[in-house]
PDB file of N, CA and C in Angstrom:
ATOM      1  N   MET A   1      82.944  87.797 121.053  1.00  0.00           N
ATOM      2  CA  MET A   1      83.704  88.604 120.118  1.00  0.00           C
ATOM      3  C   MET A   1      84.820  87.730 119.516  1.00  0.00           C
ATOM      4  N   ILE A   2      84.946  87.896 118.213  1.00  0.00           N
ATOM      5  CA  ILE A   2      85.982  87.094 117.513  1.00  0.00           C
ATOM      6  C   ILE A   2      86.900  88.102 116.801  1.00  0.00           C
ATOM      7  N   ILE A   3      88.193  88.012 117.021  1.00  0.00           N
ATOM      8  CA  ILE A   3      89.177  88.825 116.377  1.00  0.00           C
ATOM      9  C   ILE A   3      89.997  87.933 115.412  1.00  0.00           C
ATOM     10  N   LYS A   4      90.034  88.308 114.133  1.00  0.00           N
ATOM     11  CA  LYS A   4      90.855  87.579 113.193  1.00  0.00           C
ATOM     12  C   LYS A   4      91.862  88.484 112.521  1.00  0.00           C
ATOM     13  N   ILE A   5      93.082  88.019 112.610  1.00  0.00           N
ATOM     14  CA  ILE A   5      94.199  88.797 111.933  1.00  0.00           C
ATOM     15  C   ILE A   5      94.483  88.027 110.623  1.00  0.00           C
ATOM     16  N   HIS A   6      94.193  88.648 109.530  1.00  0.00           N
ATOM     17  CA  HIS A   6      94.389  88.027 108.195  1.00  0.00           C
ATOM     18  C   HIS A   6      95.801  88.150 107.790  1.00  0.00           C
ATOM     19  N   ARG A   7      96.215  87.341 106.809  1.00  0.00           N
ATOM     20  CA  ARG A   7      97.539  87.478 106.317  1.00  0.00           C
ATOM     21  C   ARG A   7      97.746  88.802 105.593  1.00  0.00           C
ATOM     22  N   ALA A   8      98.970  89.280 105.773  1.00  0.00           N
ATOM     23  CA  ALA A   8      99.317  90.593 105.132  1.00  0.00           C
ATOM     24  C   ALA A   8      99.304  90.396 103.612  1.00  0.00           C
ATOM     25  N   GLY A   9      98.949  91.557 102.942  1.00  0.00           N
ATOM     26  CA  GLY A   9      98.853  91.478 101.486  1.00  0.00           C
ATOM     27  C   GLY A   9      99.493  92.692 100.800  1.00  0.00           C
ATOM     28  N   ARG A  10      99.274  92.754  99.512  1.00  0.00           N
ATOM     29  CA  ARG A  10      99.874  93.825  98.758  1.00  0.00           C
ATOM     30  C   ARG A  10      98.883  94.812  98.162  1.00  0.00           C
ATOM     31  N   SER A  11      97.572  94.388  98.097  1.00  0.00           N
ATOM     32  CA  SER A  11      96.630  95.256  97.380  1.00  0.00           C
ATOM     33  C   SER A  11      95.658  95.955  98.379  1.00  0.00           C
ATOM     34  N   PHE A  12      95.798  97.271  98.468  1.00  0.00           N
ATOM     35  CA  PHE A  12      94.892  98.048  99.256  1.00  0.00           C
ATOM     36  C   PHE A  12      93.424  97.932  98.630  1.00  0.00           C
ATOM     37  N   ARG A  13      93.358  98.061  97.347  1.00  0.00           N
ATOM     38  CA  ARG A  13      92.043  97.965  96.652  1.00  0.00           C
ATOM     39  C   ARG A  13      91.432  96.527  96.831  1.00  0.00           C
ATOM     40  N   GLY A  14      92.298  95.563  96.839  1.00  0.00           N
ATOM     41  CA  GLY A  14      91.797  94.177  96.977  1.00  0.00           C
ATOM     42  C   GLY A  14      91.157  93.957  98.338  1.00  0.00           C
ATOM     43  N   VAL A  15      91.801  94.413  99.398  1.00  0.00           N
ATOM     44  CA  VAL A  15      91.200  94.252 100.733  1.00  0.00           C
ATOM     45  C   VAL A  15      89.917  94.991 100.916  1.00  0.00           C
ATOM     46  N   VAL A  16      89.888  96.165 100.329  1.00  0.00           N
ATOM     47  CA  VAL A  16      88.629  96.984 100.398  1.00  0.00           C
ATOM     48  C   VAL A  16      87.500  96.315  99.601  1.00  0.00           C
ATOM     49  N   ALA A  17      87.827  95.766  98.427  1.00  0.00           N
ATOM     50  CA  ALA A  17      86.832  95.063  97.627  1.00  0.00           C
ATOM     51  C   ALA A  17      86.314  93.850  98.435  1.00  0.00           C
ATOM     52  N   TYR A  18      87.187  93.142  99.133  1.00  0.00           N
ATOM     53  CA  TYR A  18      86.785  92.011  99.916  1.00  0.00           C
ATOM     54  C   TYR A  18      85.869  92.459 101.094  1.00  0.00           C
ATOM     55  N   VAL A  19      86.278  93.491 101.748  1.00  0.00           N
ATOM     56  CA  VAL A  19      85.515  93.964 102.926  1.00  0.00           C
ATOM     57  C   VAL A  19      84.168  94.572 102.517  1.00  0.00           C
ATOM     58  N   SER A  20      84.109  95.312 101.443  1.00  0.00           N
ATOM     59  CA  SER A  20      82.902  96.041 101.073  1.00  0.00           C
ATOM     60  C   SER A  20      81.854  95.323 100.272  1.00  0.00           C
ATOM     61  N   ARG A  21      82.189  94.191  99.701  1.00  0.00           N
ATOM     62  CA  ARG A  21      81.125  93.491  98.951  1.00  0.00           C
ATOM     63  C   ARG A  21      81.296  91.990  99.117  1.00  0.00           C
ATOM     64  N   ASP A  22      80.160  91.336  99.176  1.00  0.00           N
ATOM     65  CA  ASP A  22      80.137  89.870  99.334  1.00  0.00           C
ATOM     66  C   ASP A  22      79.635  89.251  98.074  1.00  0.00           C
ATOM     67  N   VAL A  23      80.534  88.605  97.341  1.00  0.00           N
ATOM     68  CA  VAL A  23      80.179  88.001  96.049  1.00  0.00           C
ATOM     69  C   VAL A  23      79.292  86.838  96.207  1.00  0.00           C
ATOM     70  N   LYS A  24      79.168  86.212  97.370  1.00  0.00           N
ATOM     71  CA  LYS A  24      78.301  85.104  97.548  1.00  0.00           C
ATOM     72  C   LYS A  24      76.879  85.446  98.031  1.00  0.00           C
ATOM     73  N   ALA A  25      76.675  86.755  98.365  1.00  0.00           N
ATOM     74  CA  ALA A  25      75.348  87.151  98.822  1.00  0.00           C
ATOM     75  C   ALA A  25      74.522  87.760  97.743  1.00  0.00           C
ATOM     76  N   ASP A  26      73.214  87.869  98.033  1.00  0.00           N
ATOM     77  CA  ASP A  26      72.289  88.464  97.086  1.00  0.00           C
ATOM     78  C   ASP A  26      72.491  90.008  96.961  1.00  0.00           C
ATOM     79  N   THR A  27      73.132  90.565  97.926  1.00  0.00           N
ATOM     80  CA  THR A  27      73.359  92.019  97.963  1.00  0.00           C
ATOM     81  C   THR A  27      74.812  92.363  97.693  1.00  0.00           C
ATOM     82  N   ALA A  28      75.054  93.562  97.242  1.00  0.00           N
ATOM     83  CA  ALA A  28      76.382  93.995  96.962  1.00  0.00           C
ATOM     84  C   ALA A  28      77.107  94.347  98.261  1.00  0.00           C
ATOM     85  N   ALA A  29      76.359  94.680  99.339  1.00  0.00           N
ATOM     86  CA  ALA A  29      76.941  95.141 100.508  1.00  0.00           C
ATOM     87  C   ALA A  29      77.421  93.945 101.418  1.00  0.00           C
ATOM     88  N   ARG A  30      78.604  94.091 102.016  1.00  0.00           N
ATOM     89  CA  ARG A  30      79.089  93.072 102.897  1.00  0.00           C
ATOM     90  C   ARG A  30      78.957  93.529 104.360  1.00  0.00           C
ATOM     91  N   VAL A  31      79.115  94.829 104.518  1.00  0.00           N
ATOM     92  CA  VAL A  31      79.029  95.436 105.919  1.00  0.00           C
ATOM     93  C   VAL A  31      78.039  96.593 105.853  1.00  0.00           C
ATOM     94  N   ALA A  32      77.467  96.877 106.984  1.00  0.00           N
ATOM     95  CA  ALA A  32      76.452  97.962 107.072  1.00  0.00           C
ATOM     96  C   ALA A  32      77.155  99.284 107.063  1.00  0.00           C
ATOM     97  N   TRP A  33      78.348  99.444 107.648  1.00  0.00           N
ATOM     98  CA  TRP A  33      79.073 100.714 107.678  1.00  0.00           C
ATOM     99  C   TRP A  33      80.511 100.423 107.856  1.00  0.00           C
ATOM    100  N   THR A  34      81.331 101.448 107.579  1.00  0.00           N
ATOM    101  CA  THR A  34      82.753 101.386 107.787  1.00  0.00           C
ATOM    102  C   THR A  34      83.265 102.564 108.593  1.00  0.00           C
ATOM    103  N   HIS A  35      84.419 102.418 109.176  1.00  0.00           N
ATOM    104  CA  HIS A  35      84.998 103.437 110.016  1.00  0.00           C
ATOM    105  C   HIS A  35      86.494 103.467 109.811  1.00  0.00           C
ATOM    106  N   THR A  36      87.063 104.605 109.563  1.00  0.00           N
ATOM    107  CA  THR A  36      88.535 104.713 109.412  1.00  0.00           C
ATOM    108  C   THR A  36      89.144 105.481 110.628  1.00  0.00           C
ATOM    109  N   ILE A  37      90.396 105.268 110.829  1.00  0.00           N
ATOM    110  CA  ILE A  37      91.150 105.941 111.903  1.00  0.00           C
ATOM    111  C   ILE A  37      92.414 106.513 111.336  1.00  0.00           C
ATOM    112  N   ASN A  38      92.731 107.710 111.679  1.00  0.00           N
ATOM    113  CA  ASN A  38      93.968 108.377 111.192  1.00  0.00           C
ATOM    114  C   ASN A  38      93.975 108.621 109.730  1.00  0.00           C
ATOM    115  N   LEU A  39      92.870 108.779 109.117  1.00  0.00           N
ATOM    116  CA  LEU A  39      92.722 109.096 107.695  1.00  0.00           C
ATOM    117  C   LEU A  39      91.905 110.344 107.543  1.00  0.00           C
ATOM    118  N   ALA A  40      92.083 111.086 106.448  1.00  0.00           N
ATOM    119  CA  ALA A  40      91.346 112.264 106.183  1.00  0.00           C
ATOM    120  C   ALA A  40      89.853 111.974 105.847  1.00  0.00           C
ATOM    121  N   GLU A  41      89.606 110.807 105.285  1.00  0.00           N
ATOM    122  CA  GLU A  41      88.263 110.443 104.794  1.00  0.00           C
ATOM    123  C   GLU A  41      87.731 109.152 105.443  1.00  0.00           C
ATOM    124  N   ASP A  42      86.439 109.109 105.642  1.00  0.00           N
ATOM    125  CA  ASP A  42      85.768 107.887 106.047  1.00  0.00           C
ATOM    126  C   ASP A  42      85.164 107.179 104.808  1.00  0.00           C
ATOM    127  N   HIS A  43      85.175 107.839 103.708  1.00  0.00           N
ATOM    128  CA  HIS A  43      84.657 107.325 102.405  1.00  0.00           C
ATOM    129  C   HIS A  43      85.676 106.300 101.941  1.00  0.00           C
ATOM    130  N   LEU A  44      85.277 105.034 101.738  1.00  0.00           N
ATOM    131  CA  LEU A  44      86.171 103.921 101.505  1.00  0.00           C
ATOM    132  C   LEU A  44      87.132 104.108 100.267  1.00  0.00           C
ATOM    133  N   PRO A  45      86.627 104.450  99.110  1.00  0.00           N
ATOM    134  CA  PRO A  45      87.566 104.682  97.996  1.00  0.00           C
ATOM    135  C   PRO A  45      88.596 105.777  98.250  1.00  0.00           C
ATOM    136  N   SER A  46      88.216 106.838  98.958  1.00  0.00           N
ATOM    137  CA  SER A  46      89.137 107.879  99.310  1.00  0.00           C
ATOM    138  C   SER A  46      90.141 107.430 100.312  1.00  0.00           C
ATOM    139  N   ALA A  47      89.722 106.603 101.325  1.00  0.00           N
ATOM    140  CA  ALA A  47      90.589 106.102 102.324  1.00  0.00           C
ATOM    141  C   ALA A  47      91.627 105.156 101.649  1.00  0.00           C
ATOM    142  N   VAL A  48      91.178 104.331 100.740  1.00  0.00           N
ATOM    143  CA  VAL A  48      92.115 103.438 100.073  1.00  0.00           C
ATOM    144  C   VAL A  48      93.175 104.195  99.294  1.00  0.00           C
ATOM    145  N   ASN A  49      92.735 105.255  98.603  1.00  0.00           N
ATOM    146  CA  ASN A  49      93.678 106.089  97.845  1.00  0.00           C
ATOM    147  C   ASN A  49      94.665 106.740  98.738  1.00  0.00           C
ATOM    148  N   GLU A  50      94.202 107.227  99.905  1.00  0.00           N
ATOM    149  CA  GLU A  50      95.108 107.828 100.916  1.00  0.00           C
ATOM    150  C   GLU A  50      96.163 106.855 101.410  1.00  0.00           C
ATOM    151  N   MET A  51      95.699 105.659 101.733  1.00  0.00           N
ATOM    152  CA  MET A  51      96.613 104.594 102.257  1.00  0.00           C
ATOM    153  C   MET A  51      97.621 104.225 101.203  1.00  0.00           C
ATOM    154  N   LEU A  52      97.193 104.066  99.943  1.00  0.00           N
ATOM    155  CA  LEU A  52      98.127 103.717  98.897  1.00  0.00           C
ATOM    156  C   LEU A  52      99.160 104.836  98.696  1.00  0.00           C
ATOM    157  N   LEU A  53      98.675 106.050  98.614  1.00  0.00           N
ATOM    158  CA  LEU A  53      99.616 107.162  98.343  1.00  0.00           C
ATOM    159  C   LEU A  53     100.641 107.382  99.525  1.00  0.00           C
ATOM    160  N   THR A  54     100.138 107.109 100.763  1.00  0.00           N
ATOM    161  CA  THR A  54     101.012 107.206 101.918  1.00  0.00           C
ATOM    162  C   THR A  54     102.120 106.088 101.845  1.00  0.00           C
ATOM    163  N   TYR A  55     101.705 104.875 101.446  1.00  0.00           N
ATOM    164  CA  TYR A  55     102.669 103.831 101.271  1.00  0.00           C
ATOM    165  C   TYR A  55     103.692 104.190 100.188  1.00  0.00           C
ATOM    166  N   GLN A  56     103.192 104.669  99.077  1.00  0.00           N
ATOM    167  CA  GLN A  56     104.072 105.025  97.917  1.00  0.00           C
ATOM    168  C   GLN A  56     105.105 106.161  98.294  1.00  0.00           C
ATOM    169  N   ALA A  57     104.663 107.057  99.209  1.00  0.00           N
ATOM    170  CA  ALA A  57     105.488 108.220  99.595  1.00  0.00           C
ATOM    171  C   ALA A  57     106.216 107.977 100.885  1.00  0.00           C
ATOM    172  N   ALA A  58     106.274 106.735 101.321  1.00  0.00           N
ATOM    173  CA  ALA A  58     106.877 106.405 102.686  1.00  0.00           C
ATOM    174  C   ALA A  58     108.261 106.962 102.865  1.00  0.00           C
ATOM    175  N   ASP A  59     109.133 106.777 101.872  1.00  0.00           N
ATOM    176  CA  ASP A  59     110.495 107.310 102.022  1.00  0.00           C
ATOM    177  C   ASP A  59     110.550 108.836 102.075  1.00  0.00           C
ATOM    178  N   SER A  60     109.812 109.489 101.288  1.00  0.00           N
ATOM    179  CA  SER A  60     109.765 110.929 101.334  1.00  0.00           C
ATOM    180  C   SER A  60     109.163 111.461 102.677  1.00  0.00           C
ATOM    181  N   LEU A  61     108.198 110.805 103.151  1.00  0.00           N
ATOM    182  CA  LEU A  61     107.596 111.161 104.465  1.00  0.00           C
ATOM    183  C   LEU A  61     108.575 110.951 105.598  1.00  0.00           C
ATOM    184  N   LYS A  62     109.305 109.834 105.534  1.00  0.00           N
ATOM    185  CA  LYS A  62     110.298 109.534 106.532  1.00  0.00           C
ATOM    186  C   LYS A  62     111.438 110.609 106.529  1.00  0.00           C
ATOM    187  N   ARG A  63     111.912 110.967 105.299  1.00  0.00           N
ATOM    188  CA  ARG A  63     112.957 111.978 105.235  1.00  0.00           C
ATOM    189  C   ARG A  63     112.479 113.272 105.796  1.00  0.00           C
ATOM    190  N   ALA A  64     111.258 113.670 105.502  1.00  0.00           N
ATOM    191  CA  ALA A  64     110.686 114.979 105.982  1.00  0.00           C
ATOM    192  C   ALA A  64     110.549 114.960 107.490  1.00  0.00           C
ATOM    193  N   ALA A  65     110.352 113.740 108.080  1.00  0.00           N
ATOM    194  CA  ALA A  65     110.264 113.640 109.523  1.00  0.00           C
ATOM    195  C   ALA A  65     111.587 113.391 110.238  1.00  0.00           C
ATOM    196  N   GLY A  66     112.689 113.347 109.444  1.00  0.00           N
ATOM    197  CA  GLY A  66     113.962 113.059 109.989  1.00  0.00           C
ATOM    198  C   GLY A  66     114.229 111.622 110.404  1.00  0.00           C
ATOM    199  N   ILE A  67     113.521 110.675 109.794  1.00  0.00           N
ATOM    200  CA  ILE A  67     113.627 109.253 110.054  1.00  0.00           C
ATOM    201  C   ILE A  67     114.422 108.608 108.992  1.00  0.00           C
ATOM    202  N   SER A  68     115.254 107.649 109.341  1.00  0.00           N
ATOM    203  CA  SER A  68     116.044 106.896 108.387  1.00  0.00           C
ATOM    204  C   SER A  68     115.156 106.145 107.382  1.00  0.00           C
ATOM    205  N   THR A  69     115.532 106.110 106.140  1.00  0.00           N
ATOM    206  CA  THR A  69     114.806 105.355 105.128  1.00  0.00           C
ATOM    207  C   THR A  69     115.507 104.051 104.778  1.00  0.00           C
ATOM    208  N   GLY A  70     116.512 103.743 105.607  1.00  0.00           N
ATOM    209  CA  GLY A  70     117.277 102.458 105.376  1.00  0.00           C
ATOM    210  C   GLY A  70     116.457 101.212 105.487  1.00  0.00           C
ATOM    211  N   GLY A  71     117.058 100.152 105.020  1.00  0.00           N
ATOM    212  CA  GLY A  71     116.340  98.848 105.101  1.00  0.00           C
ATOM    213  C   GLY A  71     115.564  98.600 103.852  1.00  0.00           C
ATOM    214  N   SER A  72     115.038  97.404 103.756  1.00  0.00           N
ATOM    215  CA  SER A  72     114.297  97.030 102.563  1.00  0.00           C
ATOM    216  C   SER A  72     112.863  97.535 102.653  1.00  0.00           C
ATOM    217  N   GLN A  73     112.263  97.794 101.493  1.00  0.00           N
ATOM    218  CA  GLN A  73     110.882  98.252 101.422  1.00  0.00           C
ATOM    219  C   GLN A  73     109.978  97.135 101.782  1.00  0.00           C
ATOM    220  N   LEU A  74     108.901  97.561 102.531  1.00  0.00           N
ATOM    221  CA  LEU A  74     107.902  96.557 103.012  1.00  0.00           C
ATOM    222  C   LEU A  74     107.212  95.991 101.768  1.00  0.00           C
ATOM    223  N   GLN A  75     107.227  94.663 101.687  1.00  0.00           N
ATOM    224  CA  GLN A  75     106.635  93.955 100.527  1.00  0.00           C
ATOM    225  C   GLN A  75     105.144  93.762 100.622  1.00  0.00           C
ATOM    226  N   LYS A  76     104.640  93.578 101.827  1.00  0.00           N
ATOM    227  CA  LYS A  76     103.185  93.376 102.029  1.00  0.00           C
ATOM    228  C   LYS A  76     102.703  94.401 103.021  1.00  0.00           C
ATOM    229  N   PRO A  77     102.317  95.609 102.603  1.00  0.00           N
ATOM    230  CA  PRO A  77     101.981  96.650 103.481  1.00  0.00           C
ATOM    231  C   PRO A  77     100.543  96.644 103.966  1.00  0.00           C
ATOM    232  N   VAL A  78      99.721  95.809 103.465  1.00  0.00           N
ATOM    233  CA  VAL A  78      98.280  95.794 103.731  1.00  0.00           C
ATOM    234  C   VAL A  78      97.971  94.919 104.899  1.00  0.00           C
ATOM    235  N   LYS A  79      97.390  95.398 106.015  1.00  0.00           N
ATOM    236  CA  LYS A  79      97.007  94.696 107.189  1.00  0.00           C
ATOM    237  C   LYS A  79      95.519  94.686 107.286  1.00  0.00           C
ATOM    238  N   HIS A  80      94.961  93.560 107.561  1.00  0.00           N
ATOM    239  CA  HIS A  80      93.497  93.411 107.641  1.00  0.00           C
ATOM    240  C   HIS A  80      93.124  92.657 108.903  1.00  0.00           C
ATOM    241  N   ILE A  81      92.480  93.311 109.806  1.00  0.00           N
ATOM    242  CA  ILE A  81      92.033  92.727 111.069  1.00  0.00           C
ATOM    243  C   ILE A  81      90.573  92.906 111.184  1.00  0.00           C
ATOM    244  N   SER A  82      89.822  91.773 111.362  1.00  0.00           N
ATOM    245  CA  SER A  82      88.420  91.919 111.517  1.00  0.00           C
ATOM    246  C   SER A  82      87.962  91.575 112.950  1.00  0.00           C
ATOM    247  N   ILE A  83      87.005  92.327 113.527  1.00  0.00           N
ATOM    248  CA  ILE A  83      86.415  92.078 114.778  1.00  0.00           C
ATOM    249  C   ILE A  83      84.944  91.836 114.537  1.00  0.00           C
ATOM    250  N   GLY A  84      84.532  90.654 114.976  1.00  0.00           N
ATOM    251  CA  GLY A  84      83.126  90.254 114.739  1.00  0.00           C
ATOM    252  C   GLY A  84      82.424  89.848 116.034  1.00  0.00           C
ATOM    253  N   TRP A  85      81.112  89.853 115.993  1.00  0.00           N
ATOM    254  CA  TRP A  85      80.322  89.484 117.132  1.00  0.00           C
ATOM    255  C   TRP A  85      79.366  88.356 116.685  1.00  0.00           C
ATOM    256  N   HIS A  86      78.982  87.588 117.648  1.00  0.00           N
ATOM    257  CA  HIS A  86      78.067  86.514 117.389  1.00  0.00           C
ATOM    258  C   HIS A  86      76.743  87.107 116.875  1.00  0.00           C
ATOM    259  N   GLU A  87      76.064  86.328 116.042  1.00  0.00           N
ATOM    260  CA  GLU A  87      74.811  86.874 115.398  1.00  0.00           C
ATOM    261  C   GLU A  87      73.747  87.198 116.418  1.00  0.00           C
ATOM    262  N   SER A  88      73.836  86.646 117.615  1.00  0.00           N
ATOM    263  CA  SER A  88      72.840  87.043 118.693  1.00  0.00           C
ATOM    264  C   SER A  88      73.205  88.353 119.330  1.00  0.00           C
ATOM    265  N   GLU A  89      74.392  88.829 119.094  1.00  0.00           N
ATOM    266  CA  GLU A  89      74.783  90.109 119.686  1.00  0.00           C
ATOM    267  C   GLU A  89      74.547  91.182 118.717  1.00  0.00           C
ATOM    268  N   HIS A  90      74.155  92.376 119.173  1.00  0.00           N
ATOM    269  CA  HIS A  90      73.836  93.500 118.289  1.00  0.00           C
ATOM    270  C   HIS A  90      74.511  94.770 118.842  1.00  0.00           C
ATOM    271  N   PRO A  91      75.851  94.807 118.791  1.00  0.00           N
ATOM    272  CA  PRO A  91      76.530  96.003 119.310  1.00  0.00           C
ATOM    273  C   PRO A  91      76.272  97.277 118.476  1.00  0.00           C
ATOM    274  N   THR A  92      76.282  98.386 119.128  1.00  0.00           N
ATOM    275  CA  THR A  92      76.036  99.687 118.441  1.00  0.00           C
ATOM    276  C   THR A  92      77.349 100.065 117.760  1.00  0.00           C
ATOM    277  N   PRO A  93      77.287 100.961 116.783  1.00  0.00           N
ATOM    278  CA  PRO A  93      78.537 101.448 116.160  1.00  0.00           C
ATOM    279  C   PRO A  93      79.473 102.043 117.222  1.00  0.00           C
ATOM    280  N   GLU A  94      78.854 102.704 118.170  1.00  0.00           N
ATOM    281  CA  GLU A  94      79.752 103.362 119.292  1.00  0.00           C
ATOM    282  C   GLU A  94      80.436 102.248 120.039  1.00  0.00           C
ATOM    283  N   HIS A  95      79.800 101.138 120.400  1.00  0.00           N
ATOM    284  CA  HIS A  95      80.420 100.009 121.092  1.00  0.00           C
ATOM    285  C   HIS A  95      81.546  99.414 120.258  1.00  0.00           C
ATOM    286  N   MET A  96      81.273  99.232 118.934  1.00  0.00           N
ATOM    287  CA  MET A  96      82.279  98.689 118.058  1.00  0.00           C
ATOM    288  C   MET A  96      83.515  99.559 117.975  1.00  0.00           C
ATOM    289  N   ARG A  97      83.317 100.907 117.914  1.00  0.00           N
ATOM    290  CA  ARG A  97      84.457 101.825 117.800  1.00  0.00           C
ATOM    291  C   ARG A  97      85.247 101.767 119.083  1.00  0.00           C
ATOM    292  N   GLU A  98      84.588 101.724 120.238  1.00  0.00           N
ATOM    293  CA  GLU A  98      85.178 101.617 121.577  1.00  0.00           C
ATOM    294  C   GLU A  98      86.044 100.348 121.655  1.00  0.00           C
ATOM    295  N   THR A  99      85.438  99.253 121.198  1.00  0.00           N
ATOM    296  CA  THR A  99      86.154  97.948 121.203  1.00  0.00           C
ATOM    297  C   THR A  99      87.359  98.008 120.394  1.00  0.00           C
ATOM    298  N   LEU A 100      87.268  98.597 119.173  1.00  0.00           N
ATOM    299  CA  LEU A 100      88.405  98.752 118.318  1.00  0.00           C
ATOM    300  C   LEU A 100      89.484  99.571 118.969  1.00  0.00           C
ATOM    301  N   SER A 101      89.188 100.664 119.592  1.00  0.00           N
ATOM    302  CA  SER A 101      90.102 101.521 120.188  1.00  0.00           C
ATOM    303  C   SER A 101      90.884 100.797 121.305  1.00  0.00           C
ATOM    304  N   LYS A 102      90.135 100.018 122.101  1.00  0.00           N
ATOM    305  CA  LYS A 102      90.749  99.267 123.154  1.00  0.00           C
ATOM    306  C   LYS A 102      91.692  98.206 122.582  1.00  0.00           C
ATOM    307  N   TYR A 103      91.268  97.571 121.510  1.00  0.00           N
ATOM    308  CA  TYR A 103      92.127  96.499 120.871  1.00  0.00           C
ATOM    309  C   TYR A 103      93.431  97.150 120.360  1.00  0.00           C
ATOM    310  N   LEU A 104      93.321  98.277 119.681  1.00  0.00           N
ATOM    311  CA  LEU A 104      94.465  98.916 119.096  1.00  0.00           C
ATOM    312  C   LEU A 104      95.439  99.314 120.200  1.00  0.00           C
ATOM    313  N   LYS A 105      94.936  99.863 121.273  1.00  0.00           N
ATOM    314  CA  LYS A 105      95.792 100.171 122.460  1.00  0.00           C
ATOM    315  C   LYS A 105      96.450  98.952 122.994  1.00  0.00           C
ATOM    316  N   HIS A 106      95.686  97.855 123.163  1.00  0.00           N
ATOM    317  CA  HIS A 106      96.230  96.593 123.721  1.00  0.00           C
ATOM    318  C   HIS A 106      97.383  96.118 122.854  1.00  0.00           C
ATOM    319  N   MET A 107      97.272  96.284 121.506  1.00  0.00           N
ATOM    320  CA  MET A 107      98.284  95.765 120.593  1.00  0.00           C
ATOM    321  C   MET A 107      99.500  96.747 120.454  1.00  0.00           C
ATOM    322  N   GLY A 108      99.369  97.894 121.087  1.00  0.00           N
ATOM    323  CA  GLY A 108     100.437  98.876 121.057  1.00  0.00           C
ATOM    324  C   GLY A 108     100.313  99.779 119.832  1.00  0.00           C
ATOM    325  N   TRP A 109      99.161  99.784 119.220  1.00  0.00           N
ATOM    326  CA  TRP A 109      98.910 100.585 117.975  1.00  0.00           C
ATOM    327  C   TRP A 109      98.010 101.770 118.219  1.00  0.00           C
ATOM    328  N   GLY A 110      97.824 102.082 119.538  1.00  0.00           N
ATOM    329  CA  GLY A 110      96.902 103.179 119.882  1.00  0.00           C
ATOM    330  C   GLY A 110      97.324 104.537 119.380  1.00  0.00           C
TER     331      GLY A 110
END
């Protein structure tokens, strides 16, 4: 298993475009399926919209939760972490989700 933490970025749509299509391949698809966590939708365009709107409303959401809005605004809110397996391995979607869950807990993001 290979875990790669990509540089933080500014474009939610850009990272989804990168993840969802491979411009170097004969097919438009880059991945067989996607999975979201803590979002209302698993549909990629809807998930991107939700992430963008949440980022844009961060100060309002913090105020509503009684959290300070002080400090500077996050300049690069997009995080992209990929978990891959060797081509000889064929994990099931369930195994991939379980691996992701364990990784998030390990990083303190559970």
